């Protein structure tokens, strides 16, 4: 996936605009993704430092007819799963991160 194909803002920052564009309410989306509307509301407000899991980000994307990896949280979750399961990849990513951080 090219990063231009996905959203790089947190799901919470773009959810309300996506709902407006689709004429969908927060309650309707919450029903589709099987969470409480208050949970989605807290995510959009950033209340209690709420951030969606990768799984929820994928379900929201699917419910909004977007690719399942549209939101950064879904892509981050996939990266963490892969890196956690592969020691060589983990070392490669770590070296890359250190180079980018200038360490």
PDB file of N, CA and C in Angstrom:
ATOM      1  N   UNK A   1       0.832  -1.185   0.000  1.00  0.00           N
ATOM      2  CA  UNK A   1       0.000   0.000   0.000  1.00  0.00           C
ATOM      3  C   UNK A   1       0.869   1.238   0.000  1.00  0.00           C
ATOM      4  N   UNK A   2       0.600   2.155  -0.870  1.00  0.00           N
ATOM      5  CA  UNK A   2       1.262   3.445  -0.901  1.00  0.00           C
ATOM      6  C   UNK A   2       0.659   4.296   0.204  1.00  0.00           C
ATOM      7  N   UNK A   3       1.505   4.997   0.967  1.00  0.00           N
ATOM      8  CA  UNK A   3       0.988   5.777   2.097  1.00  0.00           C
ATOM      9  C   UNK A   3      -0.010   6.830   1.659  1.00  0.00           C
ATOM     10  N   UNK A   4       0.006   7.235   0.391  1.00  0.00           N
ATOM     11  CA  UNK A   4      -0.967   8.217  -0.072  1.00  0.00           C
ATOM     12  C   UNK A   4      -2.356   7.604  -0.206  1.00  0.00           C
ATOM     13  N   UNK A   5      -2.446   6.271  -0.172  1.00  0.00           N
ATOM     14  CA  UNK A   5      -3.739   5.602  -0.273  1.00  0.00           C
ATOM     15  C   UNK A   5      -4.464   5.550   1.061  1.00  0.00           C
ATOM     16  N   UNK A   6      -3.744   5.775   2.153  1.00  0.00           N
ATOM     17  CA  UNK A   6      -4.335   5.666   3.476  1.00  0.00           C
ATOM     18  C   UNK A   6      -4.323   6.992   4.192  1.00  0.00           C
ATOM     19  N   UNK A   7      -4.972   6.996   5.314  1.00  0.00           N
ATOM     20  CA  UNK A   7      -5.061   8.177   6.155  1.00  0.00           C
ATOM     21  C   UNK A   7      -3.892   8.176   7.119  1.00  0.00           C
ATOM     22  N   UNK A   8      -3.197   9.281   7.216  1.00  0.00           N
ATOM     23  CA  UNK A   8      -2.084   9.358   8.148  1.00  0.00           C
ATOM     24  C   UNK A   8      -2.454  10.106   9.417  1.00  0.00           C
ATOM     25  N   UNK A   9      -3.620  10.713   9.446  1.00  0.00           N
ATOM     26  CA  UNK A   9      -4.124  11.291  10.683  1.00  0.00           C
ATOM     27  C   UNK A   9      -4.725  10.177  11.522  1.00  0.00           C
ATOM     28  N   UNK A  10      -4.717  10.334  12.838  1.00  0.00           N
ATOM     29  CA  UNK A  10      -5.397   9.332  13.669  1.00  0.00           C
ATOM     30  C   UNK A  10      -6.874   9.231  13.289  1.00  0.00           C
ATOM     31  N   UNK A  11      -7.420   8.044  13.403  1.00  0.00           N
ATOM     32  CA  UNK A  11      -8.822   7.800  13.082  1.00  0.00           C
ATOM     33  C   UNK A  11      -9.719   8.838  13.752  1.00  0.00           C
ATOM     34  N   UNK A  12      -9.458   9.127  15.014  1.00  0.00           N
ATOM     35  CA  UNK A  12     -10.290  10.063  15.760  1.00  0.00           C
ATOM     36  C   UNK A  12     -10.353  11.448  15.157  1.00  0.00           C
ATOM     37  N   UNK A  13      -9.293  11.865  14.479  1.00  0.00           N
ATOM     38  CA  UNK A  13      -9.264  13.211  13.903  1.00  0.00           C
ATOM     39  C   UNK A  13     -10.027  13.316  12.589  1.00  0.00           C
ATOM     40  N   UNK A  14     -10.262  12.216  11.927  1.00  0.00           N
ATOM     41  CA  UNK A  14     -10.948  12.293  10.626  1.00  0.00           C
ATOM     42  C   UNK A  14     -12.310  11.606  10.619  1.00  0.00           C
ATOM     43  N   UNK A  15     -12.672  10.964  11.718  1.00  0.00           N
ATOM     44  CA  UNK A  15     -13.910  10.185  11.740  1.00  0.00           C
ATOM     45  C   UNK A  15     -15.152  11.040  11.515  1.00  0.00           C
ATOM     46  N   UNK A  16     -15.265  12.159  12.195  1.00  0.00           N
ATOM     47  CA  UNK A  16     -16.467  12.982  12.048  1.00  0.00           C
ATOM     48  C   UNK A  16     -16.658  13.450  10.607  1.00  0.00           C
ATOM     49  N   UNK A  17     -15.583  13.859   9.944  1.00  0.00           N
ATOM     50  CA  UNK A  17     -15.685  14.293   8.549  1.00  0.00           C
ATOM     51  C   UNK A  17     -16.103  13.136   7.642  1.00  0.00           C
ATOM     52  N   UNK A  18     -15.564  11.948   7.907  1.00  0.00           N
ATOM     53  CA  UNK A  18     -15.948  10.777   7.106  1.00  0.00           C
ATOM     54  C   UNK A  18     -17.422  10.439   7.306  1.00  0.00           C
ATOM     55  N   UNK A  19     -17.889  10.535   8.545  1.00  0.00           N
ATOM     56  CA  UNK A  19     -19.303  10.264   8.822  1.00  0.00           C
ATOM     57  C   UNK A  19     -20.191  11.290   8.125  1.00  0.00           C
ATOM     58  N   UNK A  20     -19.818  12.559   8.217  1.00  0.00           N
ATOM     59  CA  UNK A  20     -20.610  13.617   7.548  1.00  0.00           C
ATOM     60  C   UNK A  20     -20.686  13.364   6.055  1.00  0.00           C
ATOM     61  N   UNK A  21     -19.554  13.031   5.454  1.00  0.00           N
ATOM     62  CA  UNK A  21     -19.506  12.800   4.004  1.00  0.00           C
ATOM     63  C   UNK A  21     -20.397  11.638   3.581  1.00  0.00           C
ATOM     64  N   UNK A  22     -20.615  10.695   4.501  1.00  0.00           N
ATOM     65  CA  UNK A  22     -21.435   9.529   4.187  1.00  0.00           C
ATOM     66  C   UNK A  22     -22.852   9.644   4.725  1.00  0.00           C
ATOM     67  N   UNK A  23     -23.147  10.734   5.411  1.00  0.00           N
ATOM     68  CA  UNK A  23     -24.474  10.901   5.992  1.00  0.00           C
ATOM     69  C   UNK A  23     -24.783   9.854   7.046  1.00  0.00           C
ATOM     70  N   UNK A  24     -23.752   9.444   7.771  1.00  0.00           N
ATOM     71  CA  UNK A  24     -23.915   8.390   8.769  1.00  0.00           C
ATOM     72  C   UNK A  24     -23.726   8.983  10.161  1.00  0.00           C
ATOM     73  N   UNK A  25     -24.481   8.494  11.093  1.00  0.00           N
ATOM     74  CA  UNK A  25     -24.340   8.954  12.475  1.00  0.00           C
ATOM     75  C   UNK A  25     -23.308   8.106  13.214  1.00  0.00           C
ATOM     76  N   UNK A  26     -22.821   8.657  14.312  1.00  0.00           N
ATOM     77  CA  UNK A  26     -21.888   7.931  15.166  1.00  0.00           C
ATOM     78  C   UNK A  26     -22.566   6.668  15.700  1.00  0.00           C
ATOM     79  N   UNK A  27     -23.859   6.785  16.056  1.00  0.00           N
ATOM     80  CA  UNK A  27     -24.602   5.614  16.564  1.00  0.00           C
ATOM     81  C   UNK A  27     -24.683   4.499  15.522  1.00  0.00           C
ATOM     82  N   UNK A  28     -24.954   4.877  14.278  1.00  0.00           N
ATOM     83  CA  UNK A  28     -25.061   3.872  13.214  1.00  0.00           C
ATOM     84  C   UNK A  28     -23.719   3.169  13.011  1.00  0.00           C
ATOM     85  N   UNK A  29     -22.646   3.948  13.013  1.00  0.00           N
ATOM     86  CA  UNK A  29     -21.323   3.340  12.866  1.00  0.00           C
ATOM     87  C   UNK A  29     -21.019   2.438  14.054  1.00  0.00           C
ATOM     88  N   UNK A  30     -21.333   2.897  15.248  1.00  0.00           N
ATOM     89  CA  UNK A  30     -21.074   2.091  16.450  1.00  0.00           C
ATOM     90  C   UNK A  30     -21.795   0.746  16.363  1.00  0.00           C
ATOM     91  N   UNK A  31     -23.034   0.762  15.876  1.00  0.00           N
ATOM     92  CA  UNK A  31     -23.772  -0.506  15.709  1.00  0.00           C
ATOM     93  C   UNK A  31     -23.048  -1.416  14.716  1.00  0.00           C
ATOM     94  N   UNK A  32     -22.595  -0.838  13.612  1.00  0.00           N
ATOM     95  CA  UNK A  32     -21.921  -1.638  12.585  1.00  0.00           C
ATOM     96  C   UNK A  32     -20.625  -2.266  13.087  1.00  0.00           C
ATOM     97  N   UNK A  33     -19.895  -1.549  13.930  1.00  0.00           N
ATOM     98  CA  UNK A  33     -18.598  -2.060  14.381  1.00  0.00           C
ATOM     99  C   UNK A  33     -18.679  -2.695  15.769  1.00  0.00           C
ATOM    100  N   UNK A  34     -19.889  -2.730  16.305  1.00  0.00           N
ATOM    101  CA  UNK A  34     -20.175  -3.418  17.568  1.00  0.00           C
ATOM    102  C   UNK A  34     -19.401  -2.861  18.754  1.00  0.00           C
ATOM    103  N   UNK A  35     -19.467  -1.525  18.884  1.00  0.00           N
ATOM    104  CA  UNK A  35     -18.939  -0.851  20.078  1.00  0.00           C
ATOM    105  C   UNK A  35     -19.981   0.153  20.539  1.00  0.00           C
ATOM    106  N   UNK A  36     -19.831   0.626  21.744  1.00  0.00           N
ATOM    107  CA  UNK A  36     -20.747   1.648  22.266  1.00  0.00           C
ATOM    108  C   UNK A  36     -20.485   2.973  21.557  1.00  0.00           C
ATOM    109  N   UNK A  37     -21.539   3.711  21.252  1.00  0.00           N
ATOM    110  CA  UNK A  37     -21.350   5.034  20.646  1.00  0.00           C
ATOM    111  C   UNK A  37     -20.442   5.927  21.501  1.00  0.00           C
ATOM    112  N   UNK A  38     -20.538   5.776  22.815  1.00  0.00           N
ATOM    113  CA  UNK A  38     -19.704   6.593  23.702  1.00  0.00           C
ATOM    114  C   UNK A  38     -18.221   6.287  23.501  1.00  0.00           C
ATOM    115  N   UNK A  39     -17.899   5.042  23.168  1.00  0.00           N
ATOM    116  CA  UNK A  39     -16.506   4.679  22.923  1.00  0.00           C
ATOM    117  C   UNK A  39     -15.983   5.425  21.687  1.00  0.00           C
ATOM    118  N   UNK A  40     -16.752   5.422  20.598  1.00  0.00           N
ATOM    119  CA  UNK A  40     -16.342   6.152  19.392  1.00  0.00           C
ATOM    120  C   UNK A  40     -16.251   7.642  19.668  1.00  0.00           C
ATOM    121  N   UNK A  41     -17.178   8.141  20.458  1.00  0.00           N
ATOM    122  CA  UNK A  41     -17.173   9.563  20.794  1.00  0.00           C
ATOM    123  C   UNK A  41     -15.907   9.941  21.562  1.00  0.00           C
ATOM    124  N   UNK A  42     -15.522   9.103  22.514  1.00  0.00           N
ATOM    125  CA  UNK A  42     -14.294   9.374  23.267  1.00  0.00           C
ATOM    126  C   UNK A  42     -13.069   9.339  22.355  1.00  0.00           C
ATOM    127  N   UNK A  43     -13.080   8.446  21.377  1.00  0.00           N
ATOM    128  CA  UNK A  43     -11.962   8.373  20.426  1.00  0.00           C
ATOM    129  C   UNK A  43     -11.893   9.659  19.615  1.00  0.00           C
ATOM    130  N   UNK A  44     -13.022  10.151  19.129  1.00  0.00           N
ATOM    131  CA  UNK A  44     -13.006  11.365  18.302  1.00  0.00           C
ATOM    132  C   UNK A  44     -12.616  12.594  19.117  1.00  0.00           C
ATOM    133  N   UNK A  45     -12.946  12.599  20.389  1.00  0.00           N
ATOM    134  CA  UNK A  45     -12.589  13.731  21.260  1.00  0.00           C
ATOM    135  C   UNK A  45     -11.209  13.571  21.869  1.00  0.00           C
ATOM    136  N   UNK A  46     -10.635  12.394  21.777  1.00  0.00           N
ATOM    137  CA  UNK A  46      -9.352  12.132  22.414  1.00  0.00           C
ATOM    138  C   UNK A  46      -9.477  12.079  23.925  1.00  0.00           C
ATOM    139  N   UNK A  47     -10.699  11.859  24.407  1.00  0.00           N
ATOM    140  CA  UNK A  47     -10.951  11.819  25.847  1.00  0.00           C
ATOM    141  C   UNK A  47     -10.297  10.597  26.469  1.00  0.00           C
ATOM    142  N   UNK A  48      -9.810  10.758  27.676  1.00  0.00           N
ATOM    143  CA  UNK A  48      -9.182   9.658  28.409  1.00  0.00           C
ATOM    144  C   UNK A  48      -8.045   9.021  27.615  1.00  0.00           C
ATOM    145  N   UNK A  49      -7.438   9.806  26.740  1.00  0.00           N
ATOM    146  CA  UNK A  49      -6.356   9.301  25.879  1.00  0.00           C
ATOM    147  C   UNK A  49      -6.797   8.071  25.093  1.00  0.00           C
ATOM    148  N   UNK A  50      -8.079   8.013  24.733  1.00  0.00           N
ATOM    149  CA  UNK A  50      -8.608   6.863  23.993  1.00  0.00           C
ATOM    150  C   UNK A  50      -8.068   6.871  22.578  1.00  0.00           C
ATOM    151  N   UNK A  51      -7.525   5.730  22.186  1.00  0.00           N
ATOM    152  CA  UNK A  51      -7.082   5.520  20.821  1.00  0.00           C
ATOM    153  C   UNK A  51      -7.641   4.180  20.368  1.00  0.00           C
ATOM    154  N   UNK A  52      -8.032   4.096  19.124  1.00  0.00           N
ATOM    155  CA  UNK A  52      -8.607   2.833  18.656  1.00  0.00           C
ATOM    156  C   UNK A  52      -7.536   1.766  18.468  1.00  0.00           C
ATOM    157  N   UNK A  53      -7.930   0.541  18.700  1.00  0.00           N
ATOM    158  CA  UNK A  53      -7.042  -0.582  18.399  1.00  0.00           C
ATOM    159  C   UNK A  53      -6.963  -0.734  16.881  1.00  0.00           C
ATOM    160  N   UNK A  54      -5.990  -1.481  16.441  1.00  0.00           N
ATOM    161  CA  UNK A  54      -5.897  -1.775  15.016  1.00  0.00           C
ATOM    162  C   UNK A  54      -7.123  -2.508  14.522  1.00  0.00           C
ATOM    163  N   UNK A  55      -7.637  -3.402  15.348  1.00  0.00           N
ATOM    164  CA  UNK A  55      -8.834  -4.164  14.986  1.00  0.00           C
ATOM    165  C   UNK A  55     -10.038  -3.239  14.795  1.00  0.00           C
ATOM    166  N   UNK A  56     -10.223  -2.310  15.719  1.00  0.00           N
ATOM    167  CA  UNK A  56     -11.351  -1.375  15.584  1.00  0.00           C
ATOM    168  C   UNK A  56     -11.158  -0.478  14.368  1.00  0.00           C
ATOM    169  N   UNK A  57      -9.934  -0.027  14.131  1.00  0.00           N
ATOM    170  CA  UNK A  57      -9.675   0.816  12.957  1.00  0.00           C
ATOM    171  C   UNK A  57     -10.028   0.070  11.674  1.00  0.00           C
ATOM    172  N   UNK A  58      -9.705  -1.219  11.617  1.00  0.00           N
ATOM    173  CA  UNK A  58     -10.056  -2.025  10.433  1.00  0.00           C
ATOM    174  C   UNK A  58     -11.565  -2.161  10.286  1.00  0.00           C
ATOM    175  N   UNK A  59     -12.256  -2.400  11.404  1.00  0.00           N
ATOM    176  CA  UNK A  59     -13.721  -2.544  11.344  1.00  0.00           C
ATOM    177  C   UNK A  59     -14.389  -1.240  10.930  1.00  0.00           C
ATOM    178  N   UNK A  60     -13.884  -0.120  11.430  1.00  0.00           N
ATOM    179  CA  UNK A  60     -14.437   1.180  11.052  1.00  0.00           C
ATOM    180  C   UNK A  60     -14.214   1.426   9.567  1.00  0.00           C
ATOM    181  N   UNK A  61     -13.010   1.170   9.087  1.00  0.00           N
ATOM    182  CA  UNK A  61     -12.720   1.363   7.662  1.00  0.00           C
ATOM    183  C   UNK A  61     -13.666   0.527   6.804  1.00  0.00           C
ATOM    184  N   UNK A  62     -13.831  -0.727   7.153  1.00  0.00           N
ATOM    185  CA  UNK A  62     -14.716  -1.614   6.393  1.00  0.00           C
ATOM    186  C   UNK A  62     -16.153  -1.101   6.422  1.00  0.00           C
ATOM    187  N   UNK A  63     -16.611  -0.653   7.592  1.00  0.00           N
ATOM    188  CA  UNK A  63     -17.977  -0.132   7.723  1.00  0.00           C
ATOM    189  C   UNK A  63     -18.179   1.132   6.897  1.00  0.00           C
ATOM    190  N   UNK A  64     -17.104   1.869   6.648  1.00  0.00           N
ATOM    191  CA  UNK A  64     -17.186   3.104   5.855  1.00  0.00           C
ATOM    192  C   UNK A  64     -16.812   2.873   4.389  1.00  0.00           C
ATOM    193  N   UNK A  65     -16.740   1.608   3.996  1.00  0.00           N
ATOM    194  CA  UNK A  65     -16.398   1.228   2.616  1.00  0.00           C
ATOM    195  C   UNK A  65     -15.033   1.740   2.184  1.00  0.00           C
ATOM    196  N   UNK A  66     -14.095   1.672   3.109  1.00  0.00           N
ATOM    197  CA  UNK A  66     -12.706   2.026   2.834  1.00  0.00           C
ATOM    198  C   UNK A  66     -11.875   0.754   2.911  1.00  0.00           C
ATOM    199  N   UNK A  67     -10.666   0.765   2.353  1.00  0.00           N
ATOM    200  CA  UNK A  67      -9.802  -0.406   2.521  1.00  0.00           C
ATOM    201  C   UNK A  67      -9.562  -0.653   4.013  1.00  0.00           C
ATOM    202  N   UNK A  68      -9.458  -1.890   4.412  1.00  0.00           N
ATOM    203  CA  UNK A  68      -9.333  -2.208   5.835  1.00  0.00           C
ATOM    204  C   UNK A  68      -8.086  -1.596   6.466  1.00  0.00           C
ATOM    205  N   UNK A  69      -7.070  -1.309   5.667  1.00  0.00           N
ATOM    206  CA  UNK A  69      -5.848  -0.706   6.202  1.00  0.00           C
ATOM    207  C   UNK A  69      -5.784   0.800   5.960  1.00  0.00           C
ATOM    208  N   UNK A  70      -6.924   1.420   5.761  1.00  0.00           N
ATOM    209  CA  UNK A  70      -6.983   2.861   5.477  1.00  0.00           C
ATOM    210  C   UNK A  70      -6.404   3.698   6.611  1.00  0.00           C
ATOM    211  N   UNK A  71      -6.713   3.337   7.845  1.00  0.00           N
ATOM    212  CA  UNK A  71      -6.281   4.137   8.988  1.00  0.00           C
ATOM    213  C   UNK A  71      -4.913   3.693   9.474  1.00  0.00           C
ATOM    214  N   UNK A  72      -4.111   4.663   9.894  1.00  0.00           N
ATOM    215  CA  UNK A  72      -2.749   4.389  10.361  1.00  0.00           C
ATOM    216  C   UNK A  72      -2.733   3.370  11.493  1.00  0.00           C
ATOM    217  N   UNK A  73      -3.730   3.408  12.372  1.00  0.00           N
ATOM    218  CA  UNK A  73      -3.755   2.473  13.497  1.00  0.00           C
ATOM    219  C   UNK A  73      -3.787   1.025  13.025  1.00  0.00           C
ATOM    220  N   UNK A  74      -4.476   0.752  11.939  1.00  0.00           N
ATOM    221  CA  UNK A  74      -4.526  -0.612  11.399  1.00  0.00           C
ATOM    222  C   UNK A  74      -3.167  -1.007  10.834  1.00  0.00           C
ATOM    223  N   UNK A  75      -2.525  -0.086  10.146  1.00  0.00           N
ATOM    224  CA  UNK A  75      -1.216  -0.386   9.568  1.00  0.00           C
ATOM    225  C   UNK A  75      -0.165  -0.567  10.661  1.00  0.00           C
ATOM    226  N   UNK A  76      -0.225   0.275  11.691  1.00  0.00           N
ATOM    227  CA  UNK A  76       0.715   0.149  12.813  1.00  0.00           C
ATOM    228  C   UNK A  76       0.541  -1.202  13.494  1.00  0.00           C
ATOM    229  N   UNK A  77      -0.710  -1.608  13.699  1.00  0.00           N
ATOM    230  CA  UNK A  77      -0.988  -2.894  14.330  1.00  0.00           C
ATOM    231  C   UNK A  77      -0.386  -4.033  13.516  1.00  0.00           C
ATOM    232  N   UNK A  78      -0.527  -3.988  12.207  1.00  0.00           N
ATOM    233  CA  UNK A  78       0.032  -5.021  11.331  1.00  0.00           C
ATOM    234  C   UNK A  78       1.554  -5.030  11.427  1.00  0.00           C
ATOM    235  N   UNK A  79       2.153  -3.850  11.425  1.00  0.00           N
ATOM    236  CA  UNK A  79       3.611  -3.755  11.539  1.00  0.00           C
ATOM    237  C   UNK A  79       4.078  -4.374  12.849  1.00  0.00           C
ATOM    238  N   UNK A  80       3.421  -4.025  13.943  1.00  0.00           N
ATOM    239  CA  UNK A  80       3.831  -4.539  15.250  1.00  0.00           C
ATOM    240  C   UNK A  80       3.693  -6.061  15.324  1.00  0.00           C
ATOM    241  N   UNK A  81       2.631  -6.597  14.745  1.00  0.00           N
ATOM    242  CA  UNK A  81       2.462  -8.055  14.728  1.00  0.00           C
ATOM    243  C   UNK A  81       3.597  -8.722  13.959  1.00  0.00           C
ATOM    244  N   UNK A  82       3.918  -8.190  12.792  1.00  0.00           N
ATOM    245  CA  UNK A  82       4.964  -8.787  11.955  1.00  0.00           C
ATOM    246  C   UNK A  82       6.336  -8.650  12.590  1.00  0.00           C
ATOM    247  N   UNK A  83       6.636  -7.469  13.099  1.00  0.00           N
ATOM    248  CA  UNK A  83       7.937  -7.232  13.714  1.00  0.00           C
ATOM    249  C   UNK A  83       8.090  -8.078  14.979  1.00  0.00           C
ATOM    250  N   UNK A  84       7.015  -8.207  15.733  1.00  0.00           N
ATOM    251  CA  UNK A  84       7.065  -9.011  16.944  1.00  0.00           C
ATOM    252  C   UNK A  84       7.295 -10.478  16.672  1.00  0.00           C
ATOM    253  N   UNK A  85       6.877 -10.941  15.504  1.00  0.00           N
ATOM    254  CA  UNK A  85       6.978 -12.366  15.183  1.00  0.00           C
ATOM    255  C   UNK A  85       8.249 -12.742  14.432  1.00  0.00           C
ATOM    256  N   UNK A  86       9.037 -11.757  14.025  1.00  0.00           N
ATOM    257  CA  UNK A  86      10.198 -12.040  13.182  1.00  0.00           C
ATOM    258  C   UNK A  86      11.422 -11.304  13.727  1.00  0.00           C
ATOM    259  N   UNK A  87      12.322 -12.039  14.374  1.00  0.00           N
ATOM    260  CA  UNK A  87      13.483 -11.428  15.021  1.00  0.00           C
ATOM    261  C   UNK A  87      14.375 -10.689  14.032  1.00  0.00           C
ATOM    262  N   UNK A  88      14.571 -11.241  12.852  1.00  0.00           N
ATOM    263  CA  UNK A  88      15.420 -10.589  11.853  1.00  0.00           C
ATOM    264  C   UNK A  88      14.785  -9.279  11.394  1.00  0.00           C
ATOM    265  N   UNK A  89      13.499  -9.317  11.121  1.00  0.00           N
ATOM    266  CA  UNK A  89      12.795  -8.103  10.727  1.00  0.00           C
ATOM    267  C   UNK A  89      12.845  -7.066  11.846  1.00  0.00           C
ATOM    268  N   UNK A  90      12.672  -7.528  13.076  1.00  0.00           N
ATOM    269  CA  UNK A  90      12.726  -6.627  14.234  1.00  0.00           C
ATOM    270  C   UNK A  90      14.067  -5.906  14.289  1.00  0.00           C
ATOM    271  N   UNK A  91      15.157  -6.639  14.086  1.00  0.00           N
ATOM    272  CA  UNK A  91      16.481  -6.021  14.099  1.00  0.00           C
ATOM    273  C   UNK A  91      16.657  -5.044  12.938  1.00  0.00           C
ATOM    274  N   UNK A  92      16.161  -5.421  11.763  1.00  0.00           N
ATOM    275  CA  UNK A  92      16.251  -4.533  10.596  1.00  0.00           C
ATOM    276  C   UNK A  92      15.486  -3.231  10.843  1.00  0.00           C
ATOM    277  N   UNK A  93      14.287  -3.355  11.369  1.00  0.00           N
ATOM    278  CA  UNK A  93      13.462  -2.168  11.642  1.00  0.00           C
ATOM    279  C   UNK A  93      14.125  -1.313  12.714  1.00  0.00           C
ATOM    280  N   UNK A  94      14.666  -1.951  13.725  1.00  0.00           N
ATOM    281  CA  UNK A  94      15.327  -1.208  14.796  1.00  0.00           C
ATOM    282  C   UNK A  94      16.499  -0.392  14.250  1.00  0.00           C
ATOM    283  N   UNK A  95      17.310  -1.013  13.395  1.00  0.00           N
ATOM    284  CA  UNK A  95      18.447  -0.289  12.792  1.00  0.00           C
ATOM    285  C   UNK A  95      17.950   0.881  11.938  1.00  0.00           C
ATOM    286  N   UNK A  96      16.897   0.670  11.187  1.00  0.00           N
ATOM    287  CA  UNK A  96      16.324   1.740  10.367  1.00  0.00           C
ATOM    288  C   UNK A  96      15.830   2.890  11.233  1.00  0.00           C
ATOM    289  N   UNK A  97      15.136   2.562  12.304  1.00  0.00           N
ATOM    290  CA  UNK A  97      14.632   3.591  13.216  1.00  0.00           C
ATOM    291  C   UNK A  97      15.783   4.380  13.830  1.00  0.00           C
ATOM    292  N   UNK A  98      16.821   3.689  14.230  1.00  0.00           N
ATOM    293  CA  UNK A  98      17.981   4.388  14.803  1.00  0.00           C
ATOM    294  C   UNK A  98      18.627   5.330  13.784  1.00  0.00           C
ATOM    295  N   UNK A  99      18.750   4.877  12.546  1.00  0.00           N
ATOM    296  CA  UNK A  99      19.322   5.745  11.495  1.00  0.00           C
ATOM    297  C   UNK A  99      18.456   6.978  11.285  1.00  0.00           C
ATOM    298  N   UNK A 100      17.148   6.778  11.227  1.00  0.00           N
ATOM    299  CA  UNK A 100      16.243   7.920  11.000  1.00  0.00           C
ATOM    300  C   UNK A 100      16.231   8.877  12.189  1.00  0.00           C
ATOM    301  N   UNK A 101      16.444   8.350  13.385  1.00  0.00           N
ATOM    302  CA  UNK A 101      16.453   9.185  14.585  1.00  0.00           C
ATOM    303  C   UNK A 101      17.790   9.899  14.736  1.00  0.00           C
ATOM    304  N   UNK A 102      18.772   9.524  13.910  1.00  0.00           N
ATOM    305  CA  UNK A 102      20.073  10.161  13.966  1.00  0.00           C
ATOM    306  C   UNK A 102      20.963   9.680  15.087  1.00  0.00           C
ATOM    307  N   UNK A 103      20.628   8.507  15.642  1.00  0.00           N
ATOM    308  CA  UNK A 103      21.439   7.965  16.744  1.00  0.00           C
ATOM    309  C   UNK A 103      22.655   7.248  16.231  1.00  0.00           C
TER     310      UNK A 103
END
